[in-house]
Structures are given as C-alpha cells and as structure tokens.
C-alpha atoms as a PDB file:
ATOM      1  CA  VAL A   1     -84.814 221.224  16.084  1.00  0.00           C
ATOM      2  CA  TYR A   2     -83.284 218.218  17.912  1.00  0.00           C
ATOM      3  CA  VAL A   3     -85.347 214.890  17.515  1.00  0.00           C
ATOM      4  CA  ILE A   4     -84.594 211.940  20.046  1.00  0.00           C
ATOM      5  CA  ASP A   5     -83.961 208.870  18.282  1.00  0.00           C
ATOM      6  CA  ASP A   6     -84.511 205.434  19.309  1.00  0.00           C
ATOM      7  CA  LYS A   7     -81.409 205.019  21.358  1.00  0.00           C
ATOM      8  CA  ASN A   8     -82.006 208.376  23.282  1.00  0.00           C
ATOM      9  CA  ILE A   9     -79.579 210.518  21.234  1.00  0.00           C
ATOM     10  CA  ALA A  10     -80.397 213.900  20.123  1.00  0.00           C
ATOM     11  CA  ARG A  11     -80.164 214.581  16.262  1.00  0.00           C
ATOM     12  CA  LEU A  12     -80.409 217.712  14.743  1.00  0.00           C
ATOM     13  CA  ARG A  13     -83.045 218.132  12.130  1.00  0.00           C
ATOM     14  CA  GLN A  14     -84.049 221.009   9.860  1.00  0.00           C
ATOM     15  CA  LEU A  15     -87.812 221.675   9.446  1.00  0.00           C
ATOM     16  CA  ARG A  16     -89.643 223.171   6.579  1.00  0.00           C
ATOM     17  CA  LEU A  17     -92.270 225.969   7.878  1.00  0.00           C
ATOM     18  CA  SER A  18     -95.428 227.234   6.074  1.00  0.00           C
ATOM     19  CA  GLU A  19     -95.766 230.723   5.591  1.00  0.00           C
ATOM     20  CA  PRO A  20     -96.964 232.322   9.245  1.00  0.00           C
ATOM     21  CA  LEU A  21    -100.402 231.707   9.973  1.00  0.00           C
ATOM     22  CA  ALA A  22    -103.109 233.402  12.157  1.00  0.00           C
ATOM     23  CA  GLY A  23    -101.562 234.569  15.194  1.00  0.00           C
ATOM     24  CA  GLY A  24     -98.065 234.078  14.064  1.00  0.00           C
ATOM     25  CA  PHE A  25     -97.811 230.375  14.193  1.00  0.00           C
ATOM     26  CA  HIS A  26     -96.190 228.119  11.373  1.00  0.00           C
ATOM     27  CA  GLU A  27     -97.237 224.734  10.199  1.00  0.00           C
ATOM     28  CA  VAL A  28     -94.470 221.990  10.213  1.00  0.00           C
ATOM     29  CA  LEU A  29     -94.513 220.968   6.452  1.00  0.00           C
ATOM     30  CA  ALA A  30     -91.415 218.585   6.881  1.00  0.00           C
ATOM     31  CA  GLY A  31     -88.379 217.452   8.769  1.00  0.00           C
ATOM     32  CA  VAL A  32     -90.373 215.388  11.655  1.00  0.00           C
ATOM     33  CA  SER A  33     -93.168 212.929  11.856  1.00  0.00           C
ATOM     34  CA  ALA A  34     -95.972 212.071  14.099  1.00  0.00           C
ATOM     35  CA  GLY A  35     -94.932 210.304  17.440  1.00  0.00           C
ATOM     36  CA  GLU A  36     -91.195 211.343  17.141  1.00  0.00           C
ATOM     37  CA  LYS A  37     -89.768 212.991  20.375  1.00  0.00           C
ATOM     38  CA  VAL A  38     -88.240 216.324  20.024  1.00  0.00           C
ATOM     39  CA  ALA A  39     -85.941 218.047  22.630  1.00  0.00           C
ATOM     40  CA  LEU A  40     -87.887 220.941  24.454  1.00  0.00           C
ATOM     41  CA  ASP A  41     -84.867 222.165  26.241  1.00  0.00           C
ATOM     42  CA  PRO A  42     -81.523 223.333  24.506  1.00  0.00           C
ATOM     43  CA  VAL A  43     -79.275 220.375  23.767  1.00  0.00           C
ATOM     44  CA  LYS A  44     -76.099 219.648  22.012  1.00  0.00           C
ATOM     45  CA  ALA A  45     -75.987 217.160  18.947  1.00  0.00           C
ATOM     46  CA  GLY A  46     -74.977 213.453  19.828  1.00  0.00           C
ATOM     47  CA  ILE A  47     -75.946 214.072  23.480  1.00  0.00           C
ATOM     48  CA  VAL A  48     -77.769 211.164  25.219  1.00  0.00           C
ATOM     49  CA  ALA A  49     -81.110 212.398  26.296  1.00  0.00           C
ATOM     50  CA  ARG A  50     -82.808 211.026  29.562  1.00  0.00           C
ATOM     51  CA  PRO A  51     -86.494 211.026  29.059  1.00  0.00           C
ATOM     52  CA  GLY A  52     -88.608 212.949  31.302  1.00  0.00           C
ATOM     53  CA  ASN A  53     -92.132 213.455  32.322  1.00  0.00           C
END
C-alpha cells in the first residue's frame, strides 16, 4: 500500500497479512499503524498527495 507521510508524499509500504478470515478478509498484522493515512486510489511512489474529503 502507499502510506502518506507527514509531508504528504506517498511512500510504498509492504504489509504482512493474516491467513484468510471469514468472508475472505485478511487482518493487517504489520506494515501500517493506527492513524496513518493510506492512499485509496492508485498512485506512484514519491508523488505529493493532496488530502481530499
């Protein structure tokens, strides 16, 4: 995933996921922390992100 840093720059980050849970979902075990912003739309590494609504 891409995490938006404190300078609004998208940085690529690898996640460690659980085995599939009920409904095919996965739990994020490592790679992002609570409160970090992630990009929901496809982006390129290093792009300056404009926070949206």
